[in-house]
C-alpha atoms as a PDB file:
ATOM      1  CA  MET A   1     154.659 148.909  55.797  1.00  0.00           C
ATOM      2  CA  LEU A   2     154.891 145.114  55.892  1.00  0.00           C
ATOM      3  CA  GLU A   3     152.436 144.976  58.785  1.00  0.00           C
ATOM      4  CA  SER A   4     149.915 147.040  56.815  1.00  0.00           C
ATOM      5  CA  LEU A   5     150.255 144.649  53.882  1.00  0.00           C
ATOM      6  CA  VAL A   6     149.669 141.646  56.154  1.00  0.00           C
ATOM      7  CA  VAL A   7     146.547 143.260  57.636  1.00  0.00           C
ATOM      8  CA  LEU A   8     145.252 144.088  54.152  1.00  0.00           C
ATOM      9  CA  CYS A   9     145.842 140.500  53.003  1.00  0.00           C
ATOM     10  CA  VAL A  10     143.967 139.159  56.034  1.00  0.00           C
ATOM     11  CA  PHE A  11     140.979 141.403  55.293  1.00  0.00           C
ATOM     12  CA  VAL A  12     140.982 140.400  51.622  1.00  0.00           C
ATOM     13  CA  ALA A  13     141.150 136.731  52.634  1.00  0.00           C
ATOM     14  CA  MET A  14     138.236 137.162  55.024  1.00  0.00           C
ATOM     15  CA  ALA A  15     136.164 138.931  52.369  1.00  0.00           C
ATOM     16  CA  GLY A  16     137.065 136.222  49.858  1.00  0.00           C
ATOM     17  CA  TRP A  17     136.011 133.537  52.311  1.00  0.00           C
ATOM     18  CA  VAL A  18     132.617 135.207  52.806  1.00  0.00           C
ATOM     19  CA  LEU A  19     132.181 135.657  49.064  1.00  0.00           C
ATOM     20  CA  ALA A  20     133.144 132.054  48.325  1.00  0.00           C
ATOM     21  CA  THR A  21     130.916 130.595  51.037  1.00  0.00           C
ATOM     22  CA  ARG A  22     127.851 132.791  50.677  1.00  0.00           C
ATOM     23  CA  ALA A  23     127.502 134.718  47.443  1.00  0.00           C
ATOM     24  CA  LEU A  24     128.836 132.460  44.702  1.00  0.00           C
ATOM     25  CA  ALA A  25     127.443 129.199  43.373  1.00  0.00           C
ATOM     26  CA  VAL A  26     129.371 126.062  44.300  1.00  0.00           C
ATOM     27  CA  GLU A  27     130.230 125.382  40.660  1.00  0.00           C
ATOM     28  CA  THR A  28     131.668 128.887  40.285  1.00  0.00           C
ATOM     29  CA  VAL A  29     133.860 128.448  43.363  1.00  0.00           C
ATOM     30  CA  LEU A  30     135.135 125.101  42.097  1.00  0.00           C
ATOM     31  CA  VAL A  31     135.886 126.449  38.614  1.00  0.00           C
ATOM     32  CA  VAL A  32     137.683 129.528  39.988  1.00  0.00           C
ATOM     33  CA  GLY A  33     139.727 127.313  42.297  1.00  0.00           C
ATOM     34  CA  LEU A  34     140.607 124.967  39.458  1.00  0.00           C
ATOM     35  CA  TRP A  35     141.766 127.846  37.262  1.00  0.00           C
ATOM     36  CA  LEU A  36     143.848 129.259  40.104  1.00  0.00           C
ATOM     37  CA  VAL A  37     145.559 125.872  40.504  1.00  0.00           C
ATOM     38  CA  VAL A  38     146.147 125.522  36.759  1.00  0.00           C
ATOM     39  CA  GLY A  39     147.373 129.109  36.408  1.00  0.00           C
ATOM     40  CA  GLY A  40     149.636 128.870  39.435  1.00  0.00           C
ATOM     41  CA  LEU A  41     151.189 125.651  38.163  1.00  0.00           C
ATOM     42  CA  ALA A  42     151.503 126.952  34.598  1.00  0.00           C
ATOM     43  CA  PHE A  43     153.380 129.999  35.887  1.00  0.00           C
ATOM     44  CA  GLY A  44     155.194 128.590  38.913  1.00  0.00           C
ATOM     45  CA  VAL A  45     156.660 125.386  37.496  1.00  0.00           C
ATOM     46  CA  PRO A  46     158.461 126.994  34.511  1.00  0.00           C
ATOM     47  CA  THR A  47     159.729 129.922  36.579  1.00  0.00           C
ATOM     48  CA  GLY A  48     160.914 127.511  39.274  1.00  0.00           C
ATOM     49  CA  LEU A  49     162.757 125.510  36.641  1.00  0.00           C
ATOM     50  CA  VAL A  50     164.383 128.647  35.248  1.00  0.00           C
ATOM     51  CA  TYR A  51     165.349 129.672  38.805  1.00  0.00           C
ATOM     52  CA  HIS A  52     167.149 126.367  39.283  1.00  0.00           C
ATOM     53  CA  LEU A  53     168.911 126.713  35.928  1.00  0.00           C
ATOM     54  CA  VAL A  54     170.107 130.298  36.468  1.00  0.00           C
ATOM     55  CA  LEU A  55     171.130 129.522  40.058  1.00  0.00           C
ATOM     56  CA  ARG A  56     173.177 126.561  38.822  1.00  0.00           C
ATOM     57  CA  ARG A  57     174.779 128.629  36.076  1.00  0.00           C
ATOM     58  CA  SER A  58     175.597 131.446  38.479  1.00  0.00           C
ATOM     59  CA  LEU A  59     177.149 129.185  41.108  1.00  0.00           C
ATOM     60  CA  LEU A  60     179.050 127.143  38.496  1.00  0.00           C
ATOM     61  CA  ARG A  61     180.614 130.323  37.117  1.00  0.00           C
ATOM     62  CA  ARG A  62     181.767 131.157  40.619  1.00  0.00           C
ATOM     63  CA  GLY A  63     182.954 127.581  41.241  1.00  0.00           C
ATOM     64  CA  ASP A  64     180.711 127.242  44.298  1.00  0.00           C
ATOM     65  CA  LEU A  65     178.136 124.589  43.337  1.00  0.00           C
ATOM     66  CA  PRO A  66     177.861 121.891  46.030  1.00  0.00           C
ATOM     67  CA  ALA A  67     176.688 118.339  45.411  1.00  0.00           C
ATOM     68  CA  ARG A  68     172.909 117.841  45.645  1.00  0.00           C
ATOM     69  CA  TRP A  69     172.405 121.586  45.444  1.00  0.00           C
ATOM     70  CA  TRP A  70     168.884 121.140  44.035  1.00  0.00           C
ATOM     71  CA  LEU A  71     167.550 119.676  47.303  1.00  0.00           C
ATOM     72  CA  ARG A  72     167.698 122.996  49.177  1.00  0.00           C
ATOM     73  CA  PRO A  73     168.494 125.662  46.609  1.00  0.00           C
ATOM     74  CA  THR A  74     167.259 128.624  48.642  1.00  0.00           C
ATOM     75  CA  GLN A  75     169.999 127.980  51.196  1.00  0.00           C
ATOM     76  CA  LEU A  76     172.465 128.874  48.435  1.00  0.00           C
ATOM     77  CA  ASN A  77     170.927 132.284  47.720  1.00  0.00           C
ATOM     78  CA  GLU A  78     173.505 134.075  49.866  1.00  0.00           C
ATOM     79  CA  ARG A  79     176.272 132.632  47.658  1.00  0.00           C
ATOM     80  CA  ILE A  80     174.893 134.228  44.488  1.00  0.00           C
ATOM     81  CA  PRO A  81     177.308 136.819  43.062  1.00  0.00           C
ATOM     82  CA  GLU A  82     176.002 140.379  43.214  1.00  0.00           C
ATOM     83  CA  ALA A  83     175.911 140.662  39.413  1.00  0.00           C
ATOM     84  CA  ASP A  84     173.499 137.703  39.113  1.00  0.00           C
ATOM     85  CA  ARG A  85     171.471 138.322  42.250  1.00  0.00           C
ATOM     86  CA  ARG A  86     168.602 140.272  40.701  1.00  0.00           C
ATOM     87  CA  LEU A  87     167.998 137.790  37.889  1.00  0.00           C
ATOM     88  CA  VAL A  88     168.254 134.650  40.022  1.00  0.00           C
ATOM     89  CA  LEU A  89     166.153 135.954  42.905  1.00  0.00           C
ATOM     90  CA  GLY A  90     163.600 137.398  40.480  1.00  0.00           C
ATOM     91  CA  PHE A  91     162.895 133.914  39.165  1.00  0.00           C
ATOM     92  CA  CYS A  92     162.919 132.563  42.728  1.00  0.00           C
ATOM     93  CA  TYR A  93     160.239 135.020  43.845  1.00  0.00           C
ATOM     94  CA  ALA A  94     158.200 134.490  40.669  1.00  0.00           C
ATOM     95  CA  GLY A  95     158.217 130.727  41.230  1.00  0.00           C
ATOM     96  CA  ALA A  96     157.210 131.263  44.846  1.00  0.00           C
ATOM     97  CA  ALA A  97     154.330 133.488  43.722  1.00  0.00           C
ATOM     98  CA  GLY A  98     153.132 130.756  41.366  1.00  0.00           C
ATOM     99  CA  PHE A  99     153.288 128.285  44.244  1.00  0.00           C
ATOM    100  CA  LEU A 100     151.210 130.601  46.452  1.00  0.00           C
ATOM    101  CA  VAL A 101     148.588 131.013  43.719  1.00  0.00           C
ATOM    102  CA  THR A 102     148.451 127.215  43.421  1.00  0.00           C
ATOM    103  CA  LEU A 103     147.909 126.904  47.175  1.00  0.00           C
ATOM    104  CA  LEU A 104     145.200 129.562  47.048  1.00  0.00           C
ATOM    105  CA  GLY A 105     143.493 127.591  44.294  1.00  0.00           C
ATOM    106  CA  CYS A 106     143.626 124.447  46.426  1.00  0.00           C
ATOM    107  CA  VAL A 107     142.002 126.338  49.310  1.00  0.00           C
ATOM    108  CA  VAL A 108     139.268 127.673  47.008  1.00  0.00           C
ATOM    109  CA  VAL A 109     138.619 124.167  45.641  1.00  0.00           C
ATOM    110  CA  GLY A 110     138.449 122.943  49.244  1.00  0.00           C
ATOM    111  CA  ILE A 111     135.894 125.628  50.068  1.00  0.00           C
ATOM    112  CA  GLY A 112     133.828 124.609  47.038  1.00  0.00           C
ATOM    113  CA  ALA A 113     134.025 120.951  48.001  1.00  0.00           C
ATOM    114  CA  TRP A 114     133.048 121.758  51.591  1.00  0.00           C
ATOM    115  CA  ARG A 115     130.066 123.783  50.368  1.00  0.00           C
ATOM    116  CA  SER A 116     128.871 120.973  48.120  1.00  0.00           C
ATOM    117  CA  PHE A 117     127.968 118.769  51.093  1.00  0.00           C
END
């Protein structure tokens, strides 16, 4: 199942590349990329912040919060109590999705900039 999803994502990316480089105006590509960056940041930054807060709260309740935990918080995911796991990891994955949308927007802006030459 995961392999099928990867193949589908590759085909969608290839079709998007063709669409962005051939069919759309440069201004449209740049605007779409900008909105993807803004949307990804607007979604990913708050959810990432909430992830850090609920992870901290969960590990504090358990008495298992190390010093400088915020530097590599995902390494602490296995320490999350089972009762809090769904909530904490839900915000983790949502923040990661926002980050990926931001990266996609940066790639689309790069394509638009490349086409403008």
